[in-house]
C-alpha atoms as a PDB file:
ATOM      1  CA  UNK A   1       5.331 -16.130   6.352  1.00  0.00           C
ATOM      2  CA  UNK A   2       5.664 -12.509   7.418  1.00  0.00           C
ATOM      3  CA  UNK A   3       9.223 -11.708   8.438  1.00  0.00           C
ATOM      4  CA  UNK A   4       9.915  -8.509  10.327  1.00  0.00           C
ATOM      5  CA  UNK A   5      13.319  -6.987  10.852  1.00  0.00           C
ATOM      6  CA  UNK A   6      15.794  -4.140  10.838  1.00  0.00           C
ATOM      7  CA  UNK A   7      18.671  -2.844   8.752  1.00  0.00           C
ATOM      8  CA  UNK A   8      22.015  -4.189   9.937  1.00  0.00           C
ATOM      9  CA  UNK A   9      22.917  -5.004  13.540  1.00  0.00           C
ATOM     10  CA  UNK A  10      25.864  -2.728  14.375  1.00  0.00           C
ATOM     11  CA  UNK A  11      24.445   0.631  15.444  1.00  0.00           C
ATOM     12  CA  UNK A  12      25.931   2.324  18.492  1.00  0.00           C
ATOM     13  CA  UNK A  13      22.682   3.725  19.999  1.00  0.00           C
ATOM     14  CA  UNK A  14      21.287   0.175  20.072  1.00  0.00           C
ATOM     15  CA  UNK A  15      23.885  -0.616  22.717  1.00  0.00           C
ATOM     16  CA  UNK A  16      21.716   1.459  25.061  1.00  0.00           C
ATOM     17  CA  UNK A  17      18.216   0.920  23.625  1.00  0.00           C
ATOM     18  CA  UNK A  18      18.301  -2.691  22.383  1.00  0.00           C
ATOM     19  CA  UNK A  19      21.332  -4.743  23.394  1.00  0.00           C
ATOM     20  CA  UNK A  20      22.092  -5.786  26.980  1.00  0.00           C
ATOM     21  CA  UNK A  21      24.829  -3.647  28.531  1.00  0.00           C
ATOM     22  CA  UNK A  22      27.213  -6.584  28.937  1.00  0.00           C
ATOM     23  CA  UNK A  23      26.740  -8.005  25.420  1.00  0.00           C
ATOM     24  CA  UNK A  24      29.928  -8.238  23.367  1.00  0.00           C
ATOM     25  CA  UNK A  25      29.785  -6.670  19.903  1.00  0.00           C
ATOM     26  CA  UNK A  26      30.676 -10.028  18.397  1.00  0.00           C
ATOM     27  CA  UNK A  27      27.407 -11.383  19.816  1.00  0.00           C
ATOM     28  CA  UNK A  28      25.128  -8.604  18.524  1.00  0.00           C
ATOM     29  CA  UNK A  29      23.990 -10.462  15.400  1.00  0.00           C
ATOM     30  CA  UNK A  30      23.285 -13.593  17.427  1.00  0.00           C
ATOM     31  CA  UNK A  31      21.158 -11.533  19.837  1.00  0.00           C
ATOM     32  CA  UNK A  32      19.343  -9.483  17.189  1.00  0.00           C
ATOM     33  CA  UNK A  33      18.462 -12.551  15.118  1.00  0.00           C
ATOM     34  CA  UNK A  34      16.617 -14.020  18.092  1.00  0.00           C
ATOM     35  CA  UNK A  35      14.461 -10.919  18.544  1.00  0.00           C
ATOM     36  CA  UNK A  36      13.576 -10.212  14.903  1.00  0.00           C
ATOM     37  CA  UNK A  37      13.065 -12.661  12.057  1.00  0.00           C
ATOM     38  CA  UNK A  38      15.013 -10.974   9.252  1.00  0.00           C
ATOM     39  CA  UNK A  39      17.824  -8.478   8.767  1.00  0.00           C
ATOM     40  CA  UNK A  40      18.645  -6.400   5.715  1.00  0.00           C
ATOM     41  CA  UNK A  41      22.413  -6.391   5.133  1.00  0.00           C
ATOM     42  CA  UNK A  42      23.325  -2.887   3.977  1.00  0.00           C
ATOM     43  CA  UNK A  43      27.144  -3.088   4.189  1.00  0.00           C
ATOM     44  CA  UNK A  44      27.182  -4.840   0.800  1.00  0.00           C
ATOM     45  CA  UNK A  45      26.040  -1.573  -0.806  1.00  0.00           C
ATOM     46  CA  UNK A  46      29.274   0.158   0.171  1.00  0.00           C
ATOM     47  CA  UNK A  47      31.907  -2.537  -0.236  1.00  0.00           C
ATOM     48  CA  UNK A  48      32.339  -6.183  -1.180  1.00  0.00           C
ATOM     49  CA  UNK A  49      31.884  -8.606   1.694  1.00  0.00           C
ATOM     50  CA  UNK A  50      33.836 -11.842   1.867  1.00  0.00           C
ATOM     51  CA  UNK A  51      32.438 -15.326   1.479  1.00  0.00           C
ATOM     52  CA  UNK A  52      33.775 -16.050   4.977  1.00  0.00           C
ATOM     53  CA  UNK A  53      31.673 -13.209   6.403  1.00  0.00           C
ATOM     54  CA  UNK A  54      28.484 -14.451   4.786  1.00  0.00           C
ATOM     55  CA  UNK A  55      29.191 -17.963   6.091  1.00  0.00           C
ATOM     56  CA  UNK A  56      29.849 -16.624   9.608  1.00  0.00           C
ATOM     57  CA  UNK A  57      26.620 -14.587   9.603  1.00  0.00           C
ATOM     58  CA  UNK A  58      24.593 -17.600   8.516  1.00  0.00           C
ATOM     59  CA  UNK A  59      26.114 -19.726  11.288  1.00  0.00           C
ATOM     60  CA  UNK A  60      25.291 -17.128  13.963  1.00  0.00           C
ATOM     61  CA  UNK A  61      21.544 -17.075  13.266  1.00  0.00           C
ATOM     62  CA  UNK A  62      18.620 -19.460  13.901  1.00  0.00           C
ATOM     63  CA  UNK A  63      17.585 -22.032  11.308  1.00  0.00           C
ATOM     64  CA  UNK A  64      14.489 -20.156  10.107  1.00  0.00           C
ATOM     65  CA  UNK A  65      16.163 -16.738   9.990  1.00  0.00           C
ATOM     66  CA  UNK A  66      16.682 -14.864   6.708  1.00  0.00           C
ATOM     67  CA  UNK A  67      18.801 -12.035   5.386  1.00  0.00           C
ATOM     68  CA  UNK A  68      18.000  -9.635   2.597  1.00  0.00           C
ATOM     69  CA  UNK A  69      21.150  -8.433   0.864  1.00  0.00           C
ATOM     70  CA  UNK A  70      21.515  -4.954  -0.596  1.00  0.00           C
ATOM     71  CA  UNK A  71      23.142  -4.922  -4.021  1.00  0.00           C
ATOM     72  CA  UNK A  72      26.289  -2.768  -4.391  1.00  0.00           C
ATOM     73  CA  UNK A  73      25.906   0.789  -5.616  1.00  0.00           C
ATOM     74  CA  UNK A  74      28.047   0.036  -8.664  1.00  0.00           C
ATOM     75  CA  UNK A  75      25.287  -2.345  -9.753  1.00  0.00           C
ATOM     76  CA  UNK A  76      22.345   0.001  -9.174  1.00  0.00           C
ATOM     77  CA  UNK A  77      23.358   3.633  -9.289  1.00  0.00           C
ATOM     78  CA  UNK A  78      24.519   4.214 -12.852  1.00  0.00           C
ATOM     79  CA  UNK A  79      23.570   6.745 -15.475  1.00  0.00           C
ATOM     80  CA  UNK A  80      22.738   3.819 -17.758  1.00  0.00           C
ATOM     81  CA  UNK A  81      21.784   0.616 -15.968  1.00  0.00           C
ATOM     82  CA  UNK A  82      22.620  -1.391 -19.059  1.00  0.00           C
ATOM     83  CA  UNK A  83      26.287  -0.959 -18.155  1.00  0.00           C
ATOM     84  CA  UNK A  84      25.924  -2.765 -14.825  1.00  0.00           C
ATOM     85  CA  UNK A  85      26.353  -6.373 -15.988  1.00  0.00           C
ATOM     86  CA  UNK A  86      29.942  -6.781 -14.770  1.00  0.00           C
ATOM     87  CA  UNK A  87      29.151  -5.296 -11.347  1.00  0.00           C
ATOM     88  CA  UNK A  88      26.134  -7.573 -10.956  1.00  0.00           C
ATOM     89  CA  UNK A  89      28.222 -10.619 -11.846  1.00  0.00           C
ATOM     90  CA  UNK A  90      30.968  -9.566  -9.422  1.00  0.00           C
ATOM     91  CA  UNK A  91      28.416  -9.211  -6.623  1.00  0.00           C
ATOM     92  CA  UNK A  92      26.983 -12.691  -7.066  1.00  0.00           C
ATOM     93  CA  UNK A  93      30.471 -14.186  -7.271  1.00  0.00           C
ATOM     94  CA  UNK A  94      31.538 -12.508  -4.026  1.00  0.00           C
ATOM     95  CA  UNK A  95      30.211 -15.249  -1.778  1.00  0.00           C
ATOM     96  CA  UNK A  96      26.640 -14.194  -1.051  1.00  0.00           C
ATOM     97  CA  UNK A  97      25.600 -17.777  -1.767  1.00  0.00           C
ATOM     98  CA  UNK A  98      27.273 -18.797   1.509  1.00  0.00           C
ATOM     99  CA  UNK A  99      24.098 -17.638   3.264  1.00  0.00           C
ATOM    100  CA  UNK A 100      22.483 -20.765   1.851  1.00  0.00           C
ATOM    101  CA  UNK A 101      18.841 -21.236   2.807  1.00  0.00           C
ATOM    102  CA  UNK A 102      19.045 -18.007   4.828  1.00  0.00           C
ATOM    103  CA  UNK A 103      19.421 -15.912   1.674  1.00  0.00           C
ATOM    104  CA  UNK A 104      16.254 -13.915   1.250  1.00  0.00           C
ATOM    105  CA  UNK A 105      15.558 -11.302  -1.436  1.00  0.00           C
ATOM    106  CA  UNK A 106      18.270  -9.290  -3.130  1.00  0.00           C
ATOM    107  CA  UNK A 107      17.462  -5.619  -2.577  1.00  0.00           C
ATOM    108  CA  UNK A 108      18.156  -3.246  -5.473  1.00  0.00           C
ATOM    109  CA  UNK A 109      17.868   0.467  -4.602  1.00  0.00           C
ATOM    110  CA  UNK A 110      17.682   2.883  -7.518  1.00  0.00           C
ATOM    111  CA  UNK A 111      19.232   6.341  -7.317  1.00  0.00           C
ATOM    112  CA  UNK A 112      16.742   9.156  -6.563  1.00  0.00           C
ATOM    113  CA  UNK A 113      17.437  10.766  -9.937  1.00  0.00           C
ATOM    114  CA  UNK A 114      16.855   7.573 -11.972  1.00  0.00           C
ATOM    115  CA  UNK A 115      13.743   7.948 -14.140  1.00  0.00           C
ATOM    116  CA  UNK A 116      11.709   5.137 -15.621  1.00  0.00           C
ATOM    117  CA  UNK A 117      12.796   4.098 -19.087  1.00  0.00           C
ATOM    118  CA  UNK A 118      11.028   0.945 -20.253  1.00  0.00           C
ATOM    119  CA  UNK A 119      13.809  -0.295 -22.545  1.00  0.00           C
ATOM    120  CA  UNK A 120      16.530   0.367 -19.987  1.00  0.00           C
ATOM    121  CA  UNK A 121      14.640  -1.297 -17.147  1.00  0.00           C
ATOM    122  CA  UNK A 122      13.711  -4.312 -19.254  1.00  0.00           C
ATOM    123  CA  UNK A 123      17.368  -4.799 -20.189  1.00  0.00           C
ATOM    124  CA  UNK A 124      18.359  -4.414 -16.540  1.00  0.00           C
ATOM    125  CA  UNK A 125      15.883  -7.056 -15.443  1.00  0.00           C
ATOM    126  CA  UNK A 126      17.426  -9.373 -18.046  1.00  0.00           C
ATOM    127  CA  UNK A 127      20.717  -9.104 -16.133  1.00  0.00           C
ATOM    128  CA  UNK A 128      19.282 -10.244 -12.812  1.00  0.00           C
ATOM    129  CA  UNK A 129      19.920 -13.984 -12.464  1.00  0.00           C
ATOM    130  CA  UNK A 130      17.084 -16.330 -11.621  1.00  0.00           C
ATOM    131  CA  UNK A 131      19.356 -18.677  -9.665  1.00  0.00           C
ATOM    132  CA  UNK A 132      22.604 -18.706  -7.740  1.00  0.00           C
ATOM    133  CA  UNK A 133      23.847 -22.241  -8.073  1.00  0.00           C
ATOM    134  CA  UNK A 134      20.765 -24.323  -7.379  1.00  0.00           C
ATOM    135  CA  UNK A 135      19.107 -21.654  -5.250  1.00  0.00           C
ATOM    136  CA  UNK A 136      16.279 -19.595  -6.684  1.00  0.00           C
ATOM    137  CA  UNK A 137      16.804 -15.856  -6.307  1.00  0.00           C
ATOM    138  CA  UNK A 138      14.163 -13.264  -5.452  1.00  0.00           C
ATOM    139  CA  UNK A 139      14.674  -9.646  -6.458  1.00  0.00           C
ATOM    140  CA  UNK A 140      13.146  -6.568  -4.804  1.00  0.00           C
ATOM    141  CA  UNK A 141      13.529  -3.172  -6.463  1.00  0.00           C
ATOM    142  CA  UNK A 142      13.165   0.165  -4.706  1.00  0.00           C
ATOM    143  CA  UNK A 143      12.412   3.093  -7.017  1.00  0.00           C
ATOM    144  CA  UNK A 144      12.654   6.658  -5.795  1.00  0.00           C
ATOM    145  CA  UNK A 145      11.482   8.785  -8.720  1.00  0.00           C
ATOM    146  CA  UNK A 146       7.828   9.613  -9.367  1.00  0.00           C
ATOM    147  CA  UNK A 147       8.113   8.493 -13.007  1.00  0.00           C
ATOM    148  CA  UNK A 148       8.014   4.874 -11.795  1.00  0.00           C
ATOM    149  CA  UNK A 149       4.367   5.219 -10.763  1.00  0.00           C
ATOM    150  CA  UNK A 150       3.683   4.321 -14.390  1.00  0.00           C
ATOM    151  CA  UNK A 151       1.418   1.316 -15.034  1.00  0.00           C
ATOM    152  CA  UNK A 152       3.899   0.176 -17.684  1.00  0.00           C
ATOM    153  CA  UNK A 153       6.602  -0.201 -15.031  1.00  0.00           C
ATOM    154  CA  UNK A 154       4.355  -2.153 -12.679  1.00  0.00           C
ATOM    155  CA  UNK A 155       3.320  -4.419 -15.551  1.00  0.00           C
ATOM    156  CA  UNK A 156       6.962  -5.021 -16.455  1.00  0.00           C
ATOM    157  CA  UNK A 157       7.869  -5.848 -12.848  1.00  0.00           C
ATOM    158  CA  UNK A 158       4.899  -8.182 -12.580  1.00  0.00           C
ATOM    159  CA  UNK A 159       5.840  -9.966 -15.785  1.00  0.00           C
ATOM    160  CA  UNK A 160       9.380 -10.543 -14.469  1.00  0.00           C
ATOM    161  CA  UNK A 161       8.237 -11.427 -10.918  1.00  0.00           C
ATOM    162  CA  UNK A 162      10.232  -8.515  -9.474  1.00  0.00           C
ATOM    163  CA  UNK A 163       8.845  -7.137  -6.200  1.00  0.00           C
ATOM    164  CA  UNK A 164       8.520  -3.358  -6.277  1.00  0.00           C
ATOM    165  CA  UNK A 165       9.427  -2.296  -2.744  1.00  0.00           C
ATOM    166  CA  UNK A 166       6.786  -0.496  -0.724  1.00  0.00           C
ATOM    167  CA  UNK A 167       8.540   2.427   0.944  1.00  0.00           C
ATOM    168  CA  UNK A 168       6.806   4.558   3.548  1.00  0.00           C
ATOM    169  CA  UNK A 169       8.847   7.724   3.401  1.00  0.00           C
ATOM    170  CA  UNK A 170       8.411  11.471   3.121  1.00  0.00           C
ATOM    171  CA  UNK A 171      10.702  11.509   0.089  1.00  0.00           C
ATOM    172  CA  UNK A 172       9.652   8.745  -2.271  1.00  0.00           C
ATOM    173  CA  UNK A 173       6.478   7.494  -4.021  1.00  0.00           C
ATOM    174  CA  UNK A 174       4.376   4.973  -2.093  1.00  0.00           C
ATOM    175  CA  UNK A 175       3.675   1.879  -4.207  1.00  0.00           C
ATOM    176  CA  UNK A 176       1.656  -0.733  -2.338  1.00  0.00           C
ATOM    177  CA  UNK A 177       0.503  -2.957  -5.189  1.00  0.00           C
ATOM    178  CA  UNK A 178       2.237  -6.382  -5.125  1.00  0.00           C
ATOM    179  CA  UNK A 179       4.104  -7.282  -8.325  1.00  0.00           C
ATOM    180  CA  UNK A 180       5.697 -10.628  -7.374  1.00  0.00           C
ATOM    181  CA  UNK A 181       5.068 -13.858  -5.479  1.00  0.00           C
ATOM    182  CA  UNK A 182       6.500 -12.173  -2.379  1.00  0.00           C
ATOM    183  CA  UNK A 183       6.297  -8.676  -0.910  1.00  0.00           C
ATOM    184  CA  UNK A 184       8.968  -6.338   0.444  1.00  0.00           C
ATOM    185  CA  UNK A 185       8.416  -3.181   2.477  1.00  0.00           C
ATOM    186  CA  UNK A 186      10.641  -0.603   4.186  1.00  0.00           C
ATOM    187  CA  UNK A 187       8.962   1.551   6.809  1.00  0.00           C
ATOM    188  CA  UNK A 188      11.060   4.670   7.320  1.00  0.00           C
ATOM    189  CA  UNK A 189       8.925   6.900   9.543  1.00  0.00           C
ATOM    190  CA  UNK A 190       9.833   5.710  13.036  1.00  0.00           C
ATOM    191  CA  UNK A 191       9.739   8.549  15.558  1.00  0.00           C
ATOM    192  CA  UNK A 192      12.029   9.088  18.530  1.00  0.00           C
ATOM    193  CA  UNK A 193       9.069  10.231  20.621  1.00  0.00           C
ATOM    194  CA  UNK A 194       7.297   6.863  20.171  1.00  0.00           C
ATOM    195  CA  UNK A 195       8.688   4.049  22.388  1.00  0.00           C
ATOM    196  CA  UNK A 196       7.811   1.553  19.635  1.00  0.00           C
ATOM    197  CA  UNK A 197       8.778   3.839  16.777  1.00  0.00           C
ATOM    198  CA  UNK A 198       5.312   3.864  15.216  1.00  0.00           C
ATOM    199  CA  UNK A 199       2.029   4.491  17.039  1.00  0.00           C
ATOM    200  CA  UNK A 200       0.145   1.286  17.802  1.00  0.00           C
ATOM    201  CA  UNK A 201      -2.631   2.151  15.343  1.00  0.00           C
ATOM    202  CA  UNK A 202      -0.118   2.574  12.524  1.00  0.00           C
ATOM    203  CA  UNK A 203       1.555  -0.726  13.388  1.00  0.00           C
ATOM    204  CA  UNK A 204      -1.802  -2.502  13.300  1.00  0.00           C
ATOM    205  CA  UNK A 205      -2.605  -0.942   9.928  1.00  0.00           C
ATOM    206  CA  UNK A 206       0.655  -2.185   8.425  1.00  0.00           C
ATOM    207  CA  UNK A 207       0.108  -5.601  10.004  1.00  0.00           C
ATOM    208  CA  UNK A 208      -3.244  -5.800   8.218  1.00  0.00           C
ATOM    209  CA  UNK A 209      -1.584  -4.827   4.942  1.00  0.00           C
ATOM    210  CA  UNK A 210       1.122  -7.451   5.449  1.00  0.00           C
ATOM    211  CA  UNK A 211      -1.482 -10.148   6.097  1.00  0.00           C
ATOM    212  CA  UNK A 212      -3.103  -9.226   2.801  1.00  0.00           C
ATOM    213  CA  UNK A 213       0.216  -9.550   0.999  1.00  0.00           C
ATOM    214  CA  UNK A 214       0.889 -12.877   2.697  1.00  0.00           C
ATOM    215  CA  UNK A 215      -1.952 -14.462   0.741  1.00  0.00           C
ATOM    216  CA  UNK A 216       0.323 -14.331  -2.309  1.00  0.00           C
ATOM    217  CA  UNK A 217       3.599 -15.363  -0.662  1.00  0.00           C
ATOM    218  CA  UNK A 218       6.265 -14.443   1.859  1.00  0.00           C
ATOM    219  CA  UNK A 219       6.484 -10.907   3.235  1.00  0.00           C
ATOM    220  CA  UNK A 220       9.637  -9.063   4.299  1.00  0.00           C
ATOM    221  CA  UNK A 221       8.887  -6.006   6.415  1.00  0.00           C
ATOM    222  CA  UNK A 222      11.748  -3.806   7.607  1.00  0.00           C
ATOM    223  CA  UNK A 223      11.842  -0.853   9.972  1.00  0.00           C
ATOM    224  CA  UNK A 224      14.739   1.157   8.667  1.00  0.00           C
ATOM    225  CA  UNK A 225      15.994   4.755   8.600  1.00  0.00           C
ATOM    226  CA  UNK A 226      13.754   7.223  10.449  1.00  0.00           C
ATOM    227  CA  UNK A 227      14.554   7.296  14.175  1.00  0.00           C
ATOM    228  CA  UNK A 228      16.909   4.334  13.882  1.00  0.00           C
ATOM    229  CA  UNK A 229      17.242   3.915  17.636  1.00  0.00           C
ATOM    230  CA  UNK A 230      13.561   2.887  17.690  1.00  0.00           C
ATOM    231  CA  UNK A 231      13.650   0.392  14.837  1.00  0.00           C
ATOM    232  CA  UNK A 232      14.285  -2.778  16.880  1.00  0.00           C
ATOM    233  CA  UNK A 233      11.423  -1.860  19.227  1.00  0.00           C
ATOM    234  CA  UNK A 234       9.154  -1.244  16.229  1.00  0.00           C
ATOM    235  CA  UNK A 235      10.040  -4.605  14.708  1.00  0.00           C
ATOM    236  CA  UNK A 236       9.424  -6.468  17.968  1.00  0.00           C
ATOM    237  CA  UNK A 237       6.110  -4.646  18.488  1.00  0.00           C
ATOM    238  CA  UNK A 238       5.044  -5.641  14.985  1.00  0.00           C
ATOM    239  CA  UNK A 239       5.945  -9.268  15.644  1.00  0.00           C
ATOM    240  CA  UNK A 240       3.839  -9.173  18.818  1.00  0.00           C
ATOM    241  CA  UNK A 241       0.862  -7.822  16.880  1.00  0.00           C
ATOM    242  CA  UNK A 242       1.223 -10.462  14.167  1.00  0.00           C
ATOM    243  CA  UNK A 243       1.489 -13.219  16.793  1.00  0.00           C
ATOM    244  CA  UNK A 244      -1.909 -12.237  18.153  1.00  0.00           C
END
């Protein structure tokens, strides 16, 4: 399945460009989850979220909906990633499992300055749990330094079934090659001048790419950053294209 979504659901400009004028803020997740098929939770990067919050978010969304969850910065943005074990454990004990079947990939975003070190990255991958309770976990890693365009890194990710995130951005390397039994992409070039964020031709091109990835497993495609006010429109336009 190809899931298409946005980052978060509380963004003030969306109250004019996406949400109905009379919609209460408490209903924004419920509304958003019925117009896109996945949401990337970013608040977890900045502070620990409660088990009650995860449970509430799961209850507010449709049965087939999924969340990706961004790992906390203490677990990803360290000088030496081998020191992150306690932060990783704390994160998984925080209550993220309350999302249940709606828990999609865990999203790990490396710092821009982090360079590829094979021994360090291999040890880091060893720390990422395969399961949370009885639930299998899927891990998606975003790298932002050019040194990660190394075949040795892609081979390591493939061996561990870690999805290297495809990021369309002006700042980071573009890695499109799948490395896991699912794919994860973040499209960050939405434009304010485009009603649907991306031109139709660009949306169709990414839809074709996503269909290719889907042959190997689920796809999570997020419109995020860029002209954020356009991201919901971009996600809905992509879903329309895929439906055809």
